Amino acid sequence: MALTVIGRPLRPGLRLPLFLSRVAAGFPSPAEDHIEASLSLDELCVVHPAATFFLRVVGDSMTGLGIFDGDILVVDRSITPRAGMVVVAVVNGEFTCKQLAYEHGAPVLRAANKAYPDIRLRDGEDLEVFGVVTRCIHKLPGI
């Protein structure tokens, strides 16, 4: 899975209406024609702006965790990576998105698609965890 850095968060952005009513499978009731609050996607998705990057996914190695080709990942470099977290790592100079695991104290990068093998470092190979994936943004089918 390849990744492309596409940008950083901007200063506080556009605030959109937030309907406080629950939505089962449609739009809020027409009777609820007033907006109770507003929501900024920056505030929702970006906790640490100075340490956050957006990356676009290329490939299908993480589909088992709902990360698809063309998705945009919100990656926070200020979070300490732990086993089980989805991370963006740099392996031998190339970005990859995988789930972090450890075996015998050594890091292992696991795909969420059985068609792809785990990545285990060999002697001389470099691994840097670039950041932790905190959100995945993708379009729904048919859009």
Protein backbone atom coordinates (compact mmCIF):
# COMPACT_ATOMS: atom_id res chain seq x y z
CA MET A 1 0.00 0.00 0.00
CA ALA A 2 1.49 3.30 -1.07
CA LEU A 3 0.60 6.63 0.49
CA THR A 4 0.89 10.19 -0.72
CA VAL A 5 1.11 13.17 1.64
CA ILE A 6 -1.63 15.55 0.49
CA GLY A 7 -1.53 18.28 3.09
CA ARG A 8 -1.77 19.63 6.60
CA PRO A 9 -4.78 21.02 8.46
CA LEU A 10 -5.52 24.67 7.91
CA ARG A 11 -6.35 27.14 10.64
CA PRO A 12 -9.85 26.76 12.12
CA GLY A 13 -12.05 26.01 9.20
CA LEU A 14 -15.60 26.05 8.06
CA ARG A 15 -18.22 25.21 10.67
CA LEU A 16 -21.19 23.22 9.42
CA PRO A 17 -24.63 22.66 10.99
CA LEU A 18 -24.89 19.83 13.50
CA PHE A 19 -28.35 18.42 14.12
CA LEU A 20 -28.52 17.06 17.64
CA SER A 21 -31.35 14.65 16.83
CA ARG A 22 -30.47 11.03 16.18
CA VAL A 23 -30.63 9.80 12.60
CA ALA A 24 -31.66 6.18 12.16
CA ALA A 25 -31.34 6.01 8.38
CA GLY A 26 -32.13 9.32 6.80
CA PHE A 27 -32.25 13.05 7.35
CA PRO A 28 -33.41 14.70 10.58
CA SER A 29 -37.15 15.14 10.87
CA PRO A 30 -38.45 18.18 8.96
CA ALA A 31 -40.08 19.23 12.23
CA GLU A 32 -36.62 19.83 13.64
CA ASP A 33 -35.87 22.78 11.41
CA HIS A 34 -33.50 24.53 13.78
CA ILE A 35 -29.84 23.80 14.24
CA GLU A 36 -28.64 23.34 17.78
CA ALA A 37 -24.89 23.58 17.23
CA SER A 38 -22.17 23.77 14.62
CA LEU A 39 -19.32 21.43 13.91
CA SER A 40 -15.91 21.92 12.36
CA LEU A 41 -14.45 18.84 10.74
CA ASP A 42 -11.02 20.16 11.72
CA GLU A 43 -12.06 20.17 15.37
CA LEU A 44 -13.59 16.71 15.05
CA CYS A 45 -10.74 15.04 13.18
CA VAL A 46 -7.62 16.98 14.19
CA VAL A 47 -6.56 17.01 17.84
CA HIS A 48 -2.95 18.15 17.36
CA PRO A 49 -2.84 20.43 14.26
CA ALA A 50 0.92 21.00 14.35
CA ALA A 51 1.53 17.24 14.30
CA THR A 52 -1.22 16.18 11.89
CA PHE A 53 -0.93 15.24 8.22
CA PHE A 54 -3.37 13.99 5.59
CA LEU A 55 -2.29 11.10 3.38
CA ARG A 56 -4.08 9.47 0.44
CA VAL A 57 -4.17 5.67 0.28
CA VAL A 58 -3.12 3.76 -2.82
CA GLY A 59 -3.78 0.02 -2.63
CA ASP A 60 -5.94 -2.53 -0.87
CA SER A 61 -3.80 -4.05 1.89
CA MET A 62 -5.93 -2.57 4.71
CA THR A 63 -9.47 -3.24 3.46
CA GLY A 64 -10.15 -5.56 6.41
CA LEU A 65 -10.05 -2.51 8.68
CA GLY A 66 -12.17 -0.32 6.39
CA ILE A 67 -9.27 1.51 4.72
CA PHE A 68 -9.70 1.54 0.94
CA ASP A 69 -7.87 2.75 -2.16
CA GLY A 70 -8.35 6.53 -2.49
CA ASP A 71 -9.22 7.10 1.19
CA ILE A 72 -7.69 9.98 3.09
CA LEU A 73 -5.99 9.16 6.37
CA VAL A 74 -5.67 11.63 9.23
CA VAL A 75 -2.28 10.87 10.78
CA ASP A 76 -1.15 12.27 14.13
CA ARG A 77 2.61 12.24 14.73
CA SER A 78 2.28 13.23 18.40
CA ILE A 79 0.66 9.94 19.48
CA THR A 80 2.96 7.22 20.78
CA PRO A 81 2.33 4.12 18.66
CA ARG A 82 1.29 0.94 20.47
CA ALA A 83 0.59 -2.61 19.38
CA GLY A 84 -2.77 -2.87 17.64
CA MET A 85 -2.79 0.71 16.36
CA VAL A 86 -2.93 1.45 12.64
CA VAL A 87 0.18 3.40 11.75
CA VAL A 88 1.86 5.00 8.79
CA ALA A 89 5.42 3.74 8.70
CA VAL A 90 8.39 4.46 6.51
CA VAL A 91 10.09 1.22 5.49
CA ASN A 92 13.29 1.66 3.49
CA GLY A 93 12.22 5.16 2.47
CA GLU A 94 8.64 4.28 1.41
CA PHE A 95 5.36 5.05 3.21
CA THR A 96 3.07 2.18 4.12
CA CYS A 97 -0.07 1.89 6.25
CA LYS A 98 -0.29 -1.21 8.44
CA GLN A 99 -1.34 -2.40 11.89
CA LEU A 100 1.55 -2.38 14.35
CA ALA A 101 2.39 -5.56 16.24
CA TYR A 102 5.40 -6.91 18.09
CA GLU A 103 6.91 -10.38 18.02
CA HIS A 104 9.75 -11.16 20.41
CA GLY A 105 10.18 -7.41 20.96
CA ALA A 106 10.60 -6.65 17.25
CA PRO A 107 8.05 -4.57 15.33
CA VAL A 108 5.88 -6.30 12.73
CA LEU A 109 3.64 -4.43 10.30
CA ARG A 110 0.47 -6.38 9.53
CA ALA A 111 -1.81 -5.92 6.55
CA ALA A 112 -5.58 -6.26 6.99
CA ASN A 113 -5.89 -8.28 3.81
CA LYS A 114 -4.78 -11.91 3.74
CA ALA A 115 -3.35 -11.43 0.24
CA TYR A 116 -0.45 -9.45 1.75
CA PRO A 117 2.31 -10.81 4.00
CA ASP A 118 3.43 -9.23 7.26
CA ILE A 119 6.41 -6.91 7.02
CA ARG A 120 9.29 -7.99 9.25
CA LEU A 121 12.53 -6.07 9.16
CA ARG A 122 15.66 -7.81 8.02
CA ASP A 123 19.19 -6.77 8.87
CA GLY A 124 19.97 -3.40 7.35
CA GLU A 125 16.34 -2.41 6.79
CA ASP A 126 15.02 0.79 8.34
CA LEU A 127 11.62 1.34 9.96
CA GLU A 128 10.27 4.63 11.23
CA VAL A 129 6.72 5.01 12.50
CA PHE A 130 5.68 8.30 10.90
CA GLY A 131 2.44 8.58 12.88
CA VAL A 132 -0.75 6.98 14.13
CA VAL A 133 -3.86 6.90 11.94
CA THR A 134 -6.69 8.52 13.89
CA ARG A 135 -9.35 8.81 11.17
CA CYS A 136 -10.09 7.44 7.72
CA ILE A 137 -12.21 9.48 5.32
CA HIS A 138 -13.79 7.78 2.34
CA LYS A 139 -16.69 8.17 -0.02
CA LEU A 140 -19.59 5.78 0.19
CA PRO A 141 -20.35 3.55 -2.80
CA GLY A 142 -22.21 5.22 -5.63
CA ILE A 143 -20.97 8.73 -4.91
